C-alpha atoms as a PDB file:
ATOM      1  CA  MET A   1     229.518  97.312 -94.969  1.00  0.00           C
ATOM      2  CA  ASP A   2     230.881  95.801 -91.755  1.00  0.00           C
ATOM      3  CA  LYS A   3     232.588  92.502 -92.649  1.00  0.00           C
ATOM      4  CA  ASN A   4     232.646  91.269 -89.050  1.00  0.00           C
ATOM      5  CA  ILE A   5     229.785  88.877 -88.437  1.00  0.00           C
ATOM      6  CA  GLN A   6     227.289  89.843 -85.777  1.00  0.00           C
ATOM      7  CA  ILE A   7     227.178  87.699 -82.660  1.00  0.00           C
ATOM      8  CA  PRO A   8     224.414  87.051 -81.917  1.00  0.00           C
ATOM      9  CA  GLY A   9     223.171  87.324 -85.469  1.00  0.00           C
ATOM     10  CA  LEU A  10     221.026  85.638 -88.110  1.00  0.00           C
ATOM     11  CA  TYR A  11     222.344  85.101 -91.643  1.00  0.00           C
ATOM     12  CA  ILE A  12     220.258  83.477 -94.364  1.00  0.00           C
ATOM     13  CA  VAL A  13     222.103  82.058 -97.368  1.00  0.00           C
ATOM     14  CA  ARG A  14     220.096  81.110-100.467  1.00  0.00           C
ATOM     15  CA  PHE A  15     221.582  79.093-103.329  1.00  0.00           C
ATOM     16  CA  GLN A  16     220.161  78.250-106.752  1.00  0.00           C
ATOM     17  CA  SER A  17     222.055  76.143-109.274  1.00  0.00           C
ATOM     18  CA  ALA A  18     222.755  77.796-112.620  1.00  0.00           C
ATOM     19  CA  PRO A  19     219.858  77.825-115.123  1.00  0.00           C
ATOM     20  CA  VAL A  20     221.862  75.631-117.508  1.00  0.00           C
ATOM     21  CA  VAL A  21     222.184  72.846-114.914  1.00  0.00           C
ATOM     22  CA  PRO A  22     219.737  70.101-115.947  1.00  0.00           C
ATOM     23  CA  ALA A  23     217.644  67.786-113.826  1.00  0.00           C
ATOM     24  CA  PRO A  24     218.258  65.721-111.811  1.00  0.00           C
ATOM     25  CA  PHE A  25     221.167  67.929-110.682  1.00  0.00           C
ATOM     26  CA  ALA A  26     219.236  71.237-110.579  1.00  0.00           C
ATOM     27  CA  HIS A  27     218.429  72.306-107.036  1.00  0.00           C
ATOM     28  CA  PHE A  28     218.104  75.154-104.579  1.00  0.00           C
ATOM     29  CA  PHE A  29     218.709  75.328-100.844  1.00  0.00           C
ATOM     30  CA  THR A  30     218.386  77.694 -97.914  1.00  0.00           C
ATOM     31  CA  LEU A  31     220.719  77.883 -94.917  1.00  0.00           C
ATOM     32  CA  LYS A  32     219.611  79.889 -91.904  1.00  0.00           C
ATOM     33  CA  LEU A  33     222.651  80.443 -89.697  1.00  0.00           C
ATOM     34  CA  ASP A  34     221.589  81.478 -86.204  1.00  0.00           C
ATOM     35  CA  ILE A  35     224.857  82.437 -84.504  1.00  0.00           C
ATOM     36  CA  ARG A  36     223.973  82.569 -80.817  1.00  0.00           C
ATOM     37  CA  SER A  37     227.441  82.939 -79.316  1.00  0.00           C
ATOM     38  CA  GLN A  38     231.126  82.473 -80.136  1.00  0.00           C
ATOM     39  CA  ARG A  39     230.661  78.744 -79.545  1.00  0.00           C
ATOM     40  CA  GLU A  40     227.119  78.034 -80.744  1.00  0.00           C
ATOM     41  CA  MET A  41     225.546  78.123 -84.201  1.00  0.00           C
ATOM     42  CA  ASN A  42     222.161  76.651 -84.980  1.00  0.00           C
ATOM     43  CA  VAL A  43     221.433  75.778 -88.611  1.00  0.00           C
ATOM     44  CA  ASP A  44     218.046  75.492 -90.308  1.00  0.00           C
ATOM     45  CA  PHE A  45     218.687  73.756 -93.648  1.00  0.00           C
ATOM     46  CA  THR A  46     216.385  72.823 -96.522  1.00  0.00           C
ATOM     47  CA  ILE A  47     217.264  71.549-100.009  1.00  0.00           C
ATOM     48  CA  GLN A  48     214.949  70.800-102.907  1.00  0.00           C
ATOM     49  CA  TYR A  49     215.716  69.299-106.305  1.00  0.00           C
ATOM     50  CA  THR A  50     213.809  70.770-109.212  1.00  0.00           C
ATOM     51  CA  ASP A  51     212.547  70.017-112.727  1.00  0.00           C
ATOM     52  CA  ARG A  52     212.373  66.259-112.264  1.00  0.00           C
ATOM     53  CA  GLU A  53     208.690  65.934-113.132  1.00  0.00           C
ATOM     54  CA  ASP A  54     209.298  64.834-116.720  1.00  0.00           C
ATOM     55  CA  MET A  55     212.201  62.475-115.978  1.00  0.00           C
ATOM     56  CA  ASP A  56     211.938  58.701-115.925  1.00  0.00           C
ATOM     57  CA  GLU A  57     212.683  57.172-112.555  1.00  0.00           C
ATOM     58  CA  ASP A  58     215.461  55.031-114.033  1.00  0.00           C
ATOM     59  CA  ASP A  59     217.191  58.125-115.443  1.00  0.00           C
ATOM     60  CA  ILE A  60     217.241  59.711-111.986  1.00  0.00           C
ATOM     61  CA  LEU A  61     218.580  56.561-110.346  1.00  0.00           C
ATOM     62  CA  ASP A  62     221.210  56.087-113.056  1.00  0.00           C
ATOM     63  CA  GLU A  63     222.716  59.458-112.140  1.00  0.00           C
ATOM     64  CA  GLY A  64     223.322  58.292-108.563  1.00  0.00           C
ATOM     65  CA  PHE A  65     220.314  60.019-107.001  1.00  0.00           C
ATOM     66  CA  THR A  66     217.242  58.645-105.258  1.00  0.00           C
ATOM     67  CA  LEU A  67     213.617  59.475-105.980  1.00  0.00           C
ATOM     68  CA  ASP A  68     213.404  61.639-102.860  1.00  0.00           C
ATOM     69  CA  ASP A  69     216.561  63.694-102.354  1.00  0.00           C
ATOM     70  CA  ASP A  70     214.796  66.703-100.820  1.00  0.00           C
ATOM     71  CA  TYR A  71     215.866  67.169 -97.214  1.00  0.00           C
ATOM     72  CA  ALA A  72     215.334  69.419 -94.211  1.00  0.00           C
ATOM     73  CA  TRP A  73     217.153  69.527 -90.872  1.00  0.00           C
ATOM     74  CA  LYS A  74     217.574  71.901 -87.936  1.00  0.00           C
ATOM     75  CA  GLY A  75     220.229  71.653 -85.246  1.00  0.00           C
ATOM     76  CA  ASP A  76     223.648  72.763 -84.011  1.00  0.00           C
ATOM     77  CA  VAL A  77     226.864  72.284 -85.973  1.00  0.00           C
ATOM     78  CA  PRO A  78     230.402  72.370 -84.505  1.00  0.00           C
ATOM     79  CA  ALA A  79     231.617  75.830 -83.499  1.00  0.00           C
ATOM     80  CA  LEU A  80     234.475  75.773 -86.000  1.00  0.00           C
ATOM     81  CA  TRP A  81     231.884  76.567 -88.675  1.00  0.00           C
ATOM     82  CA  ILE A  82     231.364  79.984 -87.104  1.00  0.00           C
ATOM     83  CA  THR A  83     235.031  80.705 -87.748  1.00  0.00           C
ATOM     84  CA  GLU A  84     234.773  79.291 -91.272  1.00  0.00           C
ATOM     85  CA  PHE A  85     231.789  81.507 -92.043  1.00  0.00           C
ATOM     86  CA  GLN A  86     233.538  84.565 -90.618  1.00  0.00           C
ATOM     87  CA  SER A  87     236.611  83.793 -92.719  1.00  0.00           C
ATOM     88  CA  ILE A  88     234.841  83.601 -96.067  1.00  0.00           C
ATOM     89  CA  PHE A  89     232.417  86.426 -95.310  1.00  0.00           C
ATOM     90  CA  SER A  90     235.124  88.874 -94.248  1.00  0.00           C
ATOM     91  CA  SER A  91     237.375  88.069 -97.220  1.00  0.00           C
ATOM     92  CA  SER A  92     234.723  88.145 -99.936  1.00  0.00           C
ATOM     93  CA  LYS A  93     233.853  90.956-102.284  1.00  0.00           C
ATOM     94  CA  ILE A  94     230.198  91.730-101.625  1.00  0.00           C
ATOM     95  CA  ILE A  95     227.864  93.724-103.866  1.00  0.00           C
ATOM     96  CA  ARG A  96     224.308  94.958-103.334  1.00  0.00           C
ATOM     97  CA  GLN A  97     223.043  94.595-106.893  1.00  0.00           C
ATOM     98  CA  ARG A  98     221.402  91.307-107.816  1.00  0.00           C
ATOM     99  CA  GLU A  99     223.027  89.586-110.792  1.00  0.00           C
ATOM    100  CA  GLU A 100     221.808  86.383-112.400  1.00  0.00           C
ATOM    101  CA  LYS A 101     223.727  84.703-115.218  1.00  0.00           C
ATOM    102  CA  GLU A 102     222.812  81.630-117.225  1.00  0.00           C
ATOM    103  CA  PHE A 103     226.075  79.812-116.569  1.00  0.00           C
ATOM    104  CA  GLU A 104     226.567  80.795-112.919  1.00  0.00           C
ATOM    105  CA  ASP A 105     225.032  79.600-109.689  1.00  0.00           C
ATOM    106  CA  PHE A 106     223.045  82.201-107.766  1.00  0.00           C
ATOM    107  CA  ILE A 107     223.970  83.004-104.169  1.00  0.00           C
ATOM    108  CA  GLU A 108     222.505  85.658-101.892  1.00  0.00           C
ATOM    109  CA  ILE A 109     222.988  86.447 -98.212  1.00  0.00           C
ATOM    110  CA  GLU A 110     220.356  88.104 -96.053  1.00  0.00           C
ATOM    111  CA  LEU A 111     221.604  89.874 -92.929  1.00  0.00           C
ATOM    112  CA  GLU A 112     220.785  92.681 -90.537  1.00  0.00           C
ATOM    113  CA  GLU A 113     222.264  96.110 -91.151  1.00  0.00           C
ATOM    114  CA  ASN A 114     221.391  99.241 -89.184  1.00  0.00           C
ATOM    115  CA  GLY A 115     218.306  97.584 -87.756  1.00  0.00           C
ATOM    116  CA  LYS A 116     216.981  96.411 -91.146  1.00  0.00           C
ATOM    117  CA  ARG A 117     217.152  93.153 -93.072  1.00  0.00           C
ATOM    118  CA  VAL A 118     219.111  93.580 -96.318  1.00  0.00           C
ATOM    119  CA  THR A 119     220.315  91.221 -99.059  1.00  0.00           C
ATOM    120  CA  VAL A 120     223.834  91.162-100.496  1.00  0.00           C
ATOM    121  CA  TYR A 121     225.575  89.053-103.126  1.00  0.00           C
ATOM    122  CA  PRO A 122     229.104  87.558-103.032  1.00  0.00           C
ATOM    123  CA  VAL A 123     231.116  87.993-106.220  1.00  0.00           C
ATOM    124  CA  ASP A 124     233.518  85.081-105.664  1.00  0.00           C
ATOM    125  CA  LYS A 125     230.851  82.440-106.209  1.00  0.00           C
ATOM    126  CA  GLU A 126     233.256  79.563-106.781  1.00  0.00           C
ATOM    127  CA  ARG A 127     234.721  79.958-103.278  1.00  0.00           C
ATOM    128  CA  TRP A 128     231.248  80.237-101.765  1.00  0.00           C
ATOM    129  CA  ASN A 129     230.027  77.244-103.709  1.00  0.00           C
ATOM    130  CA  TYR A 130     232.793  75.046-102.288  1.00  0.00           C
ATOM    131  CA  PHE A 131     232.312  76.435 -98.773  1.00  0.00           C
ATOM    132  CA  LEU A 132     228.573  75.737 -98.939  1.00  0.00           C
ATOM    133  CA  GLN A 133     229.149  72.219-100.256  1.00  0.00           C
ATOM    134  CA  GLU A 134     231.455  71.492 -97.325  1.00  0.00           C
ATOM    135  CA  LEU A 135     228.991  72.953 -94.823  1.00  0.00           C
ATOM    136  CA  MET A 136     226.189  70.898 -96.364  1.00  0.00           C
ATOM    137  CA  GLN A 137     228.237  67.741 -95.984  1.00  0.00           C
ATOM    138  CA  ALA A 138     228.946  68.670 -92.349  1.00  0.00           C
ATOM    139  CA  ILE A 139     225.184  68.989 -91.830  1.00  0.00           C
ATOM    140  CA  PHE A 140     224.584  65.576 -93.403  1.00  0.00           C
ATOM    141  CA  GLU A 141     227.149  64.064 -91.027  1.00  0.00           C
ATOM    142  CA  VAL A 142     225.859  65.770 -87.884  1.00  0.00           C
ATOM    143  CA  SER A 143     222.284  64.821 -88.751  1.00  0.00           C
ATOM    144  CA  GLU A 144     223.475  61.246 -89.458  1.00  0.00           C
ATOM    145  CA  ARG A 145     222.011  61.336 -92.950  1.00  0.00           C
ATOM    146  CA  GLU A 146     225.423  60.278 -94.239  1.00  0.00           C
ATOM    147  CA  LYS A 147     228.705  58.988 -92.896  1.00  0.00           C
ATOM    148  CA  PRO A 148     232.085  60.704 -93.243  1.00  0.00           C
ATOM    149  CA  PHE A 149     233.752  60.416 -96.634  1.00  0.00           C
ATOM    150  CA  GLU A 150     235.930  57.303 -97.026  1.00  0.00           C
ATOM    151  CA  LEU A 151     238.155  56.233 -99.896  1.00  0.00           C
ATOM    152  CA  SER A 152     240.260  53.085-100.276  1.00  0.00           C
ATOM    153  CA  TYR A 153     243.080  53.052-102.817  1.00  0.00           C
ATOM    154  CA  LEU A 154     244.870  49.814-103.686  1.00  0.00           C
ATOM    155  CA  VAL A 155     248.237  50.267-105.396  1.00  0.00           C
ATOM    156  CA  ILE A 156     249.571  47.195-107.199  1.00  0.00           C
ATOM    157  CA  GLU A 157     253.088  47.462-108.554  1.00  0.00           C
ATOM    158  CA  GLY A 158     255.846  44.942-109.119  1.00  0.00           C
ATOM    159  CA  GLY A 159     253.807  42.130-107.644  1.00  0.00           C
ATOM    160  CA  LYS A 160     253.323  44.017-104.383  1.00  0.00           C
ATOM    161  CA  SER A 161     250.254  45.835-103.131  1.00  0.00           C
ATOM    162  CA  GLU A 162     249.706  48.721-100.736  1.00  0.00           C
ATOM    163  CA  LEU A 163     246.313  49.665 -99.316  1.00  0.00           C
ATOM    164  CA  ILE A 164     245.805  53.370 -98.650  1.00  0.00           C
ATOM    165  CA  GLU A 165     242.684  54.432 -96.737  1.00  0.00           C
ATOM    166  CA  LEU A 166     241.455  57.991 -96.392  1.00  0.00           C
ATOM    167  CA  LYS A 167     238.743  59.242 -94.069  1.00  0.00           C
ATOM    168  CA  ALA A 168     237.439  62.808 -94.057  1.00  0.00           C
ATOM    169  CA  SER A 169     234.972  64.253 -91.590  1.00  0.00           C
ATOM    170  CA  PHE A 170     233.380  67.475 -92.791  1.00  0.00           C
ATOM    171  CA  ALA A 171     231.766  68.069 -89.410  1.00  0.00           C
ATOM    172  CA  ASP A 172     235.116  68.752 -87.729  1.00  0.00           C
ATOM    173  CA  LYS A 173     237.183  69.200 -90.914  1.00  0.00           C
ATOM    174  CA  SER A 174     239.581  66.362 -90.155  1.00  0.00           C
ATOM    175  CA  LEU A 175     241.442  64.259 -92.721  1.00  0.00           C
ATOM    176  CA  ALA A 176     243.329  61.061 -91.884  1.00  0.00           C
ATOM    177  CA  LEU A 177     245.344  58.534 -93.898  1.00  0.00           C
ATOM    178  CA  LYS A 178     246.208  54.918 -93.106  1.00  0.00           C
ATOM    179  CA  LYS A 179     248.590  52.619 -94.962  1.00  0.00           C
ATOM    180  CA  ASN A 180     248.086  48.858 -94.857  1.00  0.00           C
ATOM    181  CA  GLY A 181     245.889  49.122 -91.779  1.00  0.00           C
ATOM    182  CA  GLY A 182     248.501  50.985 -89.715  1.00  0.00           C
ATOM    183  CA  SER A 183     248.069  53.995 -87.476  1.00  0.00           C
ATOM    184  CA  ALA A 184     246.131  56.954 -88.839  1.00  0.00           C
ATOM    185  CA  GLU A 185     248.149  59.975 -89.921  1.00  0.00           C
ATOM    186  CA  SER A 186     246.513  63.409 -89.858  1.00  0.00           C
ATOM    187  CA  LEU A 187     246.682  65.461 -93.034  1.00  0.00           C
ATOM    188  CA  LYS A 188     245.937  69.108 -93.697  1.00  0.00           C
ATOM    189  CA  TRP A 189     242.296  69.599 -94.609  1.00  0.00           C
ATOM    190  CA  GLU A 190     243.232  71.595 -97.712  1.00  0.00           C
ATOM    191  CA  ARG A 191     244.585  68.413 -99.324  1.00  0.00           C
ATOM    192  CA  LEU A 192     241.117  66.896 -99.533  1.00  0.00           C
ATOM    193  CA  GLN A 193     240.009  69.039-102.459  1.00  0.00           C
ATOM    194  CA  LYS A 194     243.049  67.981-104.504  1.00  0.00           C
ATOM    195  CA  ILE A 195     242.443  64.336-103.634  1.00  0.00           C
ATOM    196  CA  MET A 196     238.786  64.481-104.653  1.00  0.00           C
ATOM    197  CA  ASP A 197     239.619  66.367-107.843  1.00  0.00           C
ATOM    198  CA  THR A 198     242.095  63.610-108.702  1.00  0.00           C
ATOM    199  CA  VAL A 199     239.516  60.896-108.083  1.00  0.00           C
ATOM    200  CA  TYR A 200     236.936  62.724-110.172  1.00  0.00           C
ATOM    201  CA  LYS A 201     239.222  63.404-113.131  1.00  0.00           C
ATOM    202  CA  ALA A 202     241.014  60.056-113.148  1.00  0.00           C
ATOM    203  CA  GLU A 203     239.883  57.229-115.420  1.00  0.00           C
ATOM    204  CA  PHE A 204     240.805  54.258-113.275  1.00  0.00           C
ATOM    205  CA  ILE A 205     237.619  52.182-113.482  1.00  0.00           C
ATOM    206  CA  GLU A 206     234.375  52.246-115.433  1.00  0.00           C
ATOM    207  CA  GLU A 207     232.233  53.110-112.404  1.00  0.00           C
ATOM    208  CA  ILE A 208     234.002  56.447-111.999  1.00  0.00           C
ATOM    209  CA  LYS A 209     233.722  57.241-115.700  1.00  0.00           C
ATOM    210  CA  ALA A 210     229.952  56.808-115.471  1.00  0.00           C
ATOM    211  CA  TYR A 211     229.434  59.586-112.944  1.00  0.00           C
ATOM    212  CA  LYS A 212     228.885  62.962-114.613  1.00  0.00           C
ATOM    213  CA  GLU A 213     229.167  65.001-111.430  1.00  0.00           C
ATOM    214  CA  TRP A 214     231.087  64.459-108.181  1.00  0.00           C
ATOM    215  CA  ARG A 215     228.659  65.189-105.385  1.00  0.00           C
ATOM    216  CA  LEU A 216     230.159  65.782-101.950  1.00  0.00           C
ATOM    217  CA  HIS A 217     226.952  64.821-100.206  1.00  0.00           C
ATOM    218  CA  HIS A 218     227.083  61.228-101.512  1.00  0.00           C
ATOM    219  CA  SER A 219     229.983  59.516 -99.727  1.00  0.00           C
ATOM    220  CA  ARG A 220     231.229  56.321-101.301  1.00  0.00           C
ATOM    221  CA  ARG A 221     234.049  53.826-100.836  1.00  0.00           C
ATOM    222  CA  TRP A 222     236.257  53.170-103.846  1.00  0.00           C
ATOM    223  CA  ALA A 223     239.002  50.636-104.430  1.00  0.00           C
ATOM    224  CA  LEU A 224     241.136  52.101-107.200  1.00  0.00           C
ATOM    225  CA  VAL A 225     243.823  50.295-109.140  1.00  0.00           C
ATOM    226  CA  PRO A 226     246.019  52.180-111.644  1.00  0.00           C
ATOM    227  CA  ASN A 227     246.493  51.030-115.241  1.00  0.00           C
ATOM    228  CA  GLY A 228     242.799  50.506-115.839  1.00  0.00           C
ATOM    229  CA  SER A 229     242.051  47.396-113.775  1.00  0.00           C
ATOM    230  CA  GLY A 230     240.425  47.120-110.421  1.00  0.00           C
ATOM    231  CA  CYS A 231     237.257  46.669-108.435  1.00  0.00           C
ATOM    232  CA  GLY A 232     234.932  49.092-106.659  1.00  0.00           C
END
């Protein structure tokens, strides 16, 4: 199979969370990527959360969701996402046999091949999952559903404090850091995943402990203080 994306070309990515994922986290989404030129990609995006019918409203809200998280949007995203899609598509192992496993998310890609629409399946689902989460967040930013990710970190040591502020835009994949309100310093985008993993795994304050899943599409501001004390 040709690993070079077709331009112009239409790619349809479908995602379903693993069967073991419970409500209110269980969901599926569809991304229609209409690549019209080297500099233009139109996205038709829909996401729907499933299996919430028997849940109490308070249980849904307690997990950080709303009562209506389904969403649909159509529009252009920055051209860099064409390059990002080409990068992951060309470097992935792709198979033609559908495989569904209880503990794995399901991902399929519909594309045109020899004049026909066919469906293929990436093997490296973890990479695709992260790529799709980033692209979703870019869509939320471009559509103004959510703001760029921001995090404030207050370090208190030896009677002195230092305020570190991070801002990440998924739309243009930019990451910037400021110390004590000074000038912003650009960081490599790859550092964001490590930063977010650290925030998720750390046990700085009770609010973070309460969240069972870090969701990229819900940006929040945090003030974190080491040694178990702080405010959010």
